[in-house]
Amino acid sequence: MKESDAVGERIRAMFAQGLQVADIDLDTPLLDYGLDSVRSVELVIELEREFGITISDEEASTLHTARDVIASVTAKMAHDQRAGAGARA
């Protein structure tokens, strides 16, 4: 399993648990699962802690589906890894 697949599965599990649903479809708007502003902030904080990233409020407002969240998190993780590797070089 690729790292991005593992990240995607973890995010789907986090959102399913947080939104109290059995499963999260990658392309269904998170609002359709009952995501409200309070739960959205809680999930962003959970994502930041889990993956060691930072998500701005502005960026969070653009994440409408699980696919959006997964793409953003994996891109941030890849960027951080590249930046860390560059700092060590």
N, C-alpha and C. Protein backbone atom coordinates (compact mmCIF):
# COMPACT_ATOMS: atom_id res chain seq x y z
N MET A 1 0.86 -1.18 0.00
CA MET A 1 0.00 0.00 0.00
C MET A 1 0.89 1.24 0.00
N LYS A 2 0.60 2.18 -0.88
CA LYS A 2 1.34 3.43 -0.95
C LYS A 2 1.00 4.28 0.27
N GLU A 3 1.93 5.17 0.61
CA GLU A 3 1.69 6.06 1.75
C GLU A 3 0.42 6.87 1.54
N SER A 4 0.19 7.35 0.32
CA SER A 4 -1.01 8.16 0.06
C SER A 4 -2.29 7.35 0.27
N ASP A 5 -2.25 6.05 -0.05
CA ASP A 5 -3.41 5.19 0.20
C ASP A 5 -3.68 5.07 1.70
N ALA A 6 -2.61 4.90 2.47
CA ALA A 6 -2.75 4.80 3.92
C ALA A 6 -3.28 6.10 4.50
N VAL A 7 -2.78 7.23 4.00
CA VAL A 7 -3.27 8.53 4.45
C VAL A 7 -4.75 8.67 4.11
N GLY A 8 -5.12 8.30 2.91
CA GLY A 8 -6.53 8.37 2.50
C GLY A 8 -7.43 7.53 3.37
N GLU A 9 -7.00 6.33 3.68
CA GLU A 9 -7.81 5.45 4.54
C GLU A 9 -7.94 6.02 5.94
N ARG A 10 -6.86 6.58 6.46
CA ARG A 10 -6.90 7.18 7.80
C ARG A 10 -7.84 8.38 7.82
N ILE A 11 -7.77 9.22 6.79
CA ILE A 11 -8.65 10.39 6.73
C ILE A 11 -10.10 9.96 6.62
N ARG A 12 -10.37 8.99 5.76
CA ARG A 12 -11.76 8.51 5.64
C ARG A 12 -12.27 7.97 6.97
N ALA A 13 -11.41 7.24 7.69
CA ALA A 13 -11.81 6.69 8.99
C ALA A 13 -12.06 7.82 10.00
N MET A 14 -11.19 8.83 10.00
CA MET A 14 -11.35 9.96 10.91
C MET A 14 -12.67 10.68 10.65
N PHE A 15 -12.97 10.92 9.38
CA PHE A 15 -14.19 11.64 9.04
C PHE A 15 -15.43 10.78 9.30
N ALA A 16 -15.35 9.49 9.01
CA ALA A 16 -16.49 8.61 9.30
C ALA A 16 -16.80 8.60 10.79
N GLN A 17 -15.74 8.50 11.59
CA GLN A 17 -15.94 8.50 13.05
C GLN A 17 -16.46 9.86 13.52
N GLY A 18 -15.82 10.93 13.04
CA GLY A 18 -16.20 12.27 13.47
C GLY A 18 -17.60 12.67 13.05
N LEU A 19 -18.04 12.17 11.91
CA LEU A 19 -19.37 12.51 11.41
C LEU A 19 -20.40 11.43 11.72
N GLN A 20 -19.93 10.39 12.42
CA GLN A 20 -20.78 9.28 12.85
C GLN A 20 -21.56 8.65 11.70
N VAL A 21 -20.79 8.29 10.66
CA VAL A 21 -21.36 7.56 9.52
C VAL A 21 -20.53 6.31 9.29
N ALA A 22 -21.11 5.33 8.60
CA ALA A 22 -20.42 4.06 8.38
C ALA A 22 -19.23 4.20 7.45
N ASP A 23 -19.36 5.03 6.41
CA ASP A 23 -18.29 5.16 5.42
C ASP A 23 -18.40 6.54 4.78
N ILE A 24 -17.29 7.00 4.26
CA ILE A 24 -17.22 8.29 3.58
C ILE A 24 -16.90 8.04 2.11
N ASP A 25 -17.79 8.49 1.22
CA ASP A 25 -17.52 8.44 -0.20
C ASP A 25 -16.58 9.60 -0.55
N LEU A 26 -15.59 9.33 -1.36
CA LEU A 26 -14.58 10.34 -1.67
C LEU A 26 -15.14 11.60 -2.32
N ASP A 27 -16.22 11.47 -3.07
CA ASP A 27 -16.72 12.60 -3.86
C ASP A 27 -18.03 13.20 -3.36
N THR A 28 -18.55 12.68 -2.27
CA THR A 28 -19.77 13.25 -1.69
C THR A 28 -19.39 14.47 -0.87
N PRO A 29 -20.07 15.60 -1.08
CA PRO A 29 -19.75 16.79 -0.27
C PRO A 29 -19.88 16.46 1.23
N LEU A 30 -18.90 16.91 1.99
CA LEU A 30 -18.90 16.63 3.43
C LEU A 30 -20.11 17.23 4.12
N LEU A 31 -20.64 18.31 3.57
CA LEU A 31 -21.85 18.90 4.13
C LEU A 31 -23.02 17.92 4.08
N ASP A 32 -23.02 17.03 3.08
CA ASP A 32 -24.09 16.04 2.96
C ASP A 32 -24.07 15.04 4.12
N TYR A 33 -22.93 14.94 4.80
CA TYR A 33 -22.82 14.06 5.97
C TYR A 33 -23.15 14.80 7.27
N GLY A 34 -23.53 16.06 7.16
CA GLY A 34 -23.89 16.83 8.34
C GLY A 34 -22.74 17.61 8.95
N LEU A 35 -21.67 17.81 8.20
CA LEU A 35 -20.53 18.57 8.71
C LEU A 35 -20.95 20.01 8.95
N ASP A 36 -20.76 20.48 10.18
CA ASP A 36 -21.06 21.88 10.50
C ASP A 36 -19.74 22.59 10.82
N SER A 37 -19.82 23.87 11.09
CA SER A 37 -18.60 24.67 11.28
C SER A 37 -17.80 24.22 12.50
N VAL A 38 -18.47 23.86 13.57
CA VAL A 38 -17.76 23.42 14.78
C VAL A 38 -17.04 22.11 14.52
N ARG A 39 -17.73 21.15 13.94
CA ARG A 39 -17.11 19.85 13.66
C ARG A 39 -16.01 20.00 12.62
N SER A 40 -16.18 20.91 11.70
CA SER A 40 -15.17 21.15 10.68
C SER A 40 -13.86 21.60 11.33
N VAL A 41 -13.96 22.54 12.27
CA VAL A 41 -12.76 23.02 12.98
C VAL A 41 -12.13 21.88 13.76
N GLU A 42 -12.94 21.09 14.43
CA GLU A 42 -12.41 19.95 15.20
C GLU A 42 -11.67 18.97 14.30
N LEU A 43 -12.22 18.69 13.13
CA LEU A 43 -11.58 17.75 12.21
C LEU A 43 -10.29 18.32 11.62
N VAL A 44 -10.26 19.61 11.35
CA VAL A 44 -9.04 20.24 10.86
C VAL A 44 -7.94 20.13 11.92
N ILE A 45 -8.28 20.41 13.16
CA ILE A 45 -7.30 20.29 14.25
C ILE A 45 -6.80 18.85 14.36
N GLU A 46 -7.72 17.91 14.24
CA GLU A 46 -7.34 16.49 14.29
C GLU A 46 -6.41 16.12 13.14
N LEU A 47 -6.70 16.61 11.93
CA LEU A 47 -5.83 16.37 10.78
C LEU A 47 -4.44 16.96 11.01
N GLU A 48 -4.40 18.17 11.53
CA GLU A 48 -3.11 18.82 11.78
C GLU A 48 -2.27 18.03 12.78
N ARG A 49 -2.90 17.56 13.83
CA ARG A 49 -2.18 16.76 14.84
C ARG A 49 -1.73 15.41 14.28
N GLU A 50 -2.63 14.75 13.60
CA GLU A 50 -2.37 13.40 13.08
C GLU A 50 -1.23 13.39 12.07
N PHE A 51 -1.21 14.40 11.19
CA PHE A 51 -0.27 14.38 10.07
C PHE A 51 0.85 15.42 10.18
N GLY A 52 0.87 16.20 11.26
CA GLY A 52 1.93 17.17 11.46
C GLY A 52 1.97 18.27 10.41
N ILE A 53 0.79 18.75 10.03
CA ILE A 53 0.68 19.79 9.00
C ILE A 53 -0.10 20.96 9.57
N THR A 54 -0.17 22.04 8.80
CA THR A 54 -0.98 23.20 9.15
C THR A 54 -1.95 23.47 8.00
N ILE A 55 -3.21 23.67 8.35
CA ILE A 55 -4.25 23.98 7.36
C ILE A 55 -4.86 25.32 7.76
N SER A 56 -4.70 26.32 6.91
CA SER A 56 -5.26 27.64 7.20
C SER A 56 -6.78 27.60 7.11
N ASP A 57 -7.42 28.57 7.76
CA ASP A 57 -8.88 28.67 7.69
C ASP A 57 -9.32 28.85 6.23
N GLU A 58 -8.56 29.66 5.50
CA GLU A 58 -8.88 29.91 4.09
C GLU A 58 -8.82 28.60 3.29
N GLU A 59 -7.77 27.83 3.51
CA GLU A 59 -7.64 26.55 2.80
C GLU A 59 -8.73 25.58 3.22
N ALA A 60 -9.02 25.52 4.50
CA ALA A 60 -10.05 24.61 5.00
C ALA A 60 -11.39 24.88 4.32
N SER A 61 -11.65 26.14 4.02
CA SER A 61 -12.93 26.49 3.39
C SER A 61 -13.04 25.98 1.96
N THR A 62 -11.93 25.54 1.37
CA THR A 62 -11.95 25.03 -0.01
C THR A 62 -12.03 23.50 -0.06
N LEU A 63 -12.00 22.85 1.09
CA LEU A 63 -12.00 21.39 1.15
C LEU A 63 -13.44 20.90 1.30
N HIS A 64 -14.04 20.51 0.17
CA HIS A 64 -15.46 20.18 0.18
C HIS A 64 -15.75 18.68 0.24
N THR A 65 -14.81 17.86 -0.21
CA THR A 65 -15.01 16.41 -0.22
C THR A 65 -13.82 15.73 0.45
N ALA A 66 -13.97 14.46 0.75
CA ALA A 66 -12.85 13.70 1.31
C ALA A 66 -11.69 13.66 0.31
N ARG A 67 -12.01 13.60 -0.97
CA ARG A 67 -10.95 13.61 -1.99
C ARG A 67 -10.14 14.91 -1.90
N ASP A 68 -10.81 16.04 -1.70
CA ASP A 68 -10.12 17.33 -1.54
C ASP A 68 -9.19 17.29 -0.32
N VAL A 69 -9.70 16.77 0.78
CA VAL A 69 -8.92 16.71 2.02
C VAL A 69 -7.69 15.83 1.84
N ILE A 70 -7.88 14.65 1.26
CA ILE A 70 -6.78 13.72 1.04
C ILE A 70 -5.71 14.34 0.15
N ALA A 71 -6.14 14.98 -0.94
CA ALA A 71 -5.19 15.61 -1.86
C ALA A 71 -4.40 16.71 -1.15
N SER A 72 -5.07 17.51 -0.35
CA SER A 72 -4.40 18.59 0.36
C SER A 72 -3.40 18.06 1.38
N VAL A 73 -3.83 17.09 2.17
CA VAL A 73 -2.95 16.53 3.21
C VAL A 73 -1.74 15.85 2.58
N THR A 74 -1.94 15.04 1.56
CA THR A 74 -0.79 14.34 0.95
C THR A 74 0.16 15.34 0.28
N ALA A 75 -0.38 16.41 -0.33
CA ALA A 75 0.48 17.43 -0.93
C ALA A 75 1.30 18.14 0.14
N LYS A 76 0.67 18.48 1.25
CA LYS A 76 1.39 19.15 2.34
C LYS A 76 2.47 18.23 2.92
N MET A 77 2.16 16.97 3.09
CA MET A 77 3.14 16.03 3.63
C MET A 77 4.32 15.88 2.67
N ALA A 78 4.04 15.79 1.39
CA ALA A 78 5.10 15.66 0.39
C ALA A 78 5.96 16.92 0.36
N HIS A 79 5.32 18.08 0.44
CA HIS A 79 6.06 19.34 0.45
C HIS A 79 6.97 19.41 1.68
N ASP A 80 6.43 19.04 2.83
CA ASP A 80 7.21 19.08 4.07
C ASP A 80 8.39 18.12 4.00
N GLN A 81 8.19 16.94 3.39
CA GLN A 81 9.28 15.98 3.25
C GLN A 81 10.37 16.52 2.34
N ARG A 82 9.96 17.16 1.22
CA ARG A 82 10.94 17.74 0.29
C ARG A 82 11.68 18.89 0.97
N ALA A 83 10.95 19.72 1.70
CA ALA A 83 11.57 20.85 2.39
C ALA A 83 12.56 20.37 3.45
N GLY A 84 12.18 19.32 4.16
CA GLY A 84 13.07 18.74 5.18
C GLY A 84 14.31 18.14 4.56
N ALA A 85 14.16 17.49 3.43
CA ALA A 85 15.30 16.88 2.74
C ALA A 85 16.24 17.97 2.23
N GLY A 86 15.66 19.08 1.76
CA GLY A 86 16.48 20.19 1.28
C GLY A 86 17.27 20.85 2.39
N ALA A 87 16.68 20.89 3.58
CA ALA A 87 17.35 21.51 4.72
C ALA A 87 18.54 20.68 5.19
N ARG A 88 18.45 19.36 4.96
CA ARG A 88 19.53 18.47 5.39
C ARG A 88 20.64 18.38 4.36
N ALA A 89 20.35 18.78 3.12
CA ALA A 89 21.34 18.64 2.04
C ALA A 89 22.45 19.66 2.16
